[in-house]
Protein backbone atom coordinates (compact mmCIF):
# COMPACT_ATOMS: atom_id res chain seq x y z
CA MET A 1 0.00 0.00 0.00
CA LYS A 2 1.19 3.47 -0.77
CA SER A 3 1.76 5.96 2.01
CA ASP A 4 2.98 9.53 2.41
CA GLU A 5 5.86 9.93 4.86
CA ASN A 6 4.64 13.43 5.80
CA CYS A 7 1.01 12.43 6.41
CA ILE A 8 -0.10 12.21 10.04
CA PHE A 9 -2.80 9.61 9.23
CA CYS A 10 -0.26 7.43 7.41
CA LYS A 11 1.96 7.64 10.51
CA ILE A 12 -0.97 6.71 12.79
CA ALA A 13 -1.90 3.80 10.50
CA ALA A 14 1.71 2.59 10.57
CA GLY A 15 1.83 2.80 14.38
CA GLN A 16 4.46 5.56 14.34
CA ILE A 17 2.18 8.00 16.19
CA PRO A 18 0.02 6.80 19.09
CA SER A 19 -3.76 7.07 18.89
CA ASN A 20 -6.83 5.80 20.70
CA LYS A 21 -7.61 3.02 18.24
CA VAL A 22 -11.04 1.44 18.41
CA TYR A 23 -10.59 -0.85 15.39
CA GLU A 24 -7.85 -2.01 13.05
CA ASP A 25 -7.49 -4.59 10.30
CA GLU A 26 -5.15 -4.97 7.32
CA LYS A 27 -6.95 -2.26 5.29
CA ILE A 28 -8.25 0.40 7.68
CA VAL A 29 -7.76 1.88 11.12
CA ALA A 30 -10.36 3.68 13.28
CA PHE A 31 -9.40 5.95 16.15
CA LYS A 32 -10.94 8.60 18.37
CA ASP A 33 -10.84 12.15 17.03
CA LEU A 34 -8.68 14.51 19.13
CA ASN A 35 -11.30 17.27 18.76
CA PRO A 36 -14.61 15.39 19.12
CA GLN A 37 -17.77 17.01 17.76
CA ALA A 38 -20.08 14.44 19.40
CA PRO A 39 -19.86 12.10 22.40
CA VAL A 40 -18.55 9.46 19.99
CA HIS A 41 -16.34 10.81 17.20
CA VAL A 42 -14.11 8.31 15.43
CA LEU A 43 -12.09 8.67 12.24
CA VAL A 44 -12.09 5.68 9.89
CA VAL A 45 -8.95 5.86 7.76
CA PRO A 46 -7.76 3.69 4.87
CA LYS A 47 -4.16 2.60 5.38
CA ALA A 48 -3.29 3.53 1.78
CA HIS A 49 -2.81 7.23 1.16
CA PHE A 50 -5.02 9.26 -1.13
CA ALA A 51 -6.33 12.71 -0.29
CA THR A 52 -9.81 12.79 -1.81
CA LEU A 53 -12.35 10.67 -3.60
CA ALA A 54 -11.22 12.35 -6.85
CA GLU A 55 -7.72 10.85 -6.32
CA MET A 56 -9.11 7.40 -5.56
CA ASP A 57 -7.91 4.58 -7.80
CA GLU A 58 -9.25 1.00 -7.97
CA GLU A 59 -7.39 0.01 -4.77
CA GLY A 60 -8.74 3.11 -3.02
CA ALA A 61 -12.28 2.30 -4.10
CA GLU A 62 -11.94 -1.17 -2.58
CA LEU A 63 -10.65 0.38 0.66
CA VAL A 64 -13.59 2.79 0.85
CA LYS A 65 -15.97 -0.10 0.16
CA HIS A 66 -14.31 -2.12 2.93
CA ALA A 67 -14.54 0.85 5.32
CA LEU A 68 -18.26 1.32 4.60
CA GLN A 69 -18.90 -2.39 5.08
CA THR A 70 -16.96 -2.39 8.37
CA ILE A 71 -18.38 0.81 9.90
CA PRO A 72 -21.63 -0.85 11.13
CA ARG A 73 -19.51 -3.29 13.16
CA ILE A 74 -17.35 -0.46 14.52
CA ALA A 75 -20.47 1.54 15.40
CA ALA A 76 -22.04 -1.44 17.18
CA GLY A 77 -18.84 -1.92 19.17
CA LEU A 78 -19.05 1.73 20.24
CA GLY A 79 -22.64 1.29 21.42
CA LEU A 80 -24.21 3.38 18.66
CA SER A 81 -27.41 1.35 18.49
CA GLY A 82 -29.57 4.47 18.03
CA GLY A 83 -27.79 5.55 14.87
CA TYR A 84 -24.80 7.53 13.73
CA ARG A 85 -23.67 10.01 11.09
CA LEU A 86 -20.89 9.63 8.52
CA ILE A 87 -19.11 12.67 7.06
CA VAL A 88 -16.40 12.80 4.40
CA ASN A 89 -14.91 16.26 3.93
CA GLN A 90 -13.42 16.81 0.47
CA GLY A 91 -11.06 19.76 0.09
CA GLU A 92 -10.44 22.91 2.04
CA ASP A 93 -13.86 24.48 1.32
CA ALA A 94 -15.46 21.44 3.00
CA GLY A 95 -13.20 21.73 6.04
CA GLN A 96 -10.74 18.93 5.21
CA THR A 97 -7.68 19.66 7.34
CA VAL A 98 -5.79 16.38 6.91
CA HIS A 99 -5.35 15.53 3.25
CA HIS A 100 -5.77 11.77 3.61
CA LEU A 101 -9.26 10.47 2.89
CA HIS A 102 -11.09 9.68 6.13
CA ILE A 103 -14.64 9.12 7.27
CA HIS A 104 -15.95 10.80 10.41
CA LEU A 105 -18.22 8.49 12.44
CA LEU A 106 -20.27 10.56 14.90
CA GLY A 107 -22.92 9.53 17.40
CA GLY A 108 -23.73 9.00 21.04
CA LYS A 109 -26.54 11.55 21.11
CA SER A 110 -29.37 12.74 18.89
CA LEU A 111 -27.64 14.69 16.11
CA GLY A 112 -30.85 16.17 14.71
CA GLU A 113 -31.67 16.87 11.09
CA LYS A 114 -29.02 19.52 10.41
CA ILE A 115 -25.83 18.53 8.62
CA VAL A 116 -23.61 19.08 11.68
């Protein structure tokens, strides 16, 4: 899998930077966000580096598919039986601050109908 030596999420995925991991397999890692926006706020990160969906190749598409198939299990393990929200920020206008594709998994309270 490709990685970027300057990317913080690549370093977390490789175990070079500690994190509060809640899930890991050979393709993805999920860890608690350092600046949570909900009682449960986890980032689900492919281990291969690509910044946005527009940069996603065939391998990246399989990783995103795997992440989406795995998220219900991660959410159940976090006690999110009442539901959860997924957010993927794409680019600076959307608020993407780390340029490595990642999925925000938020829950633990009623999030309402608004986007955030």
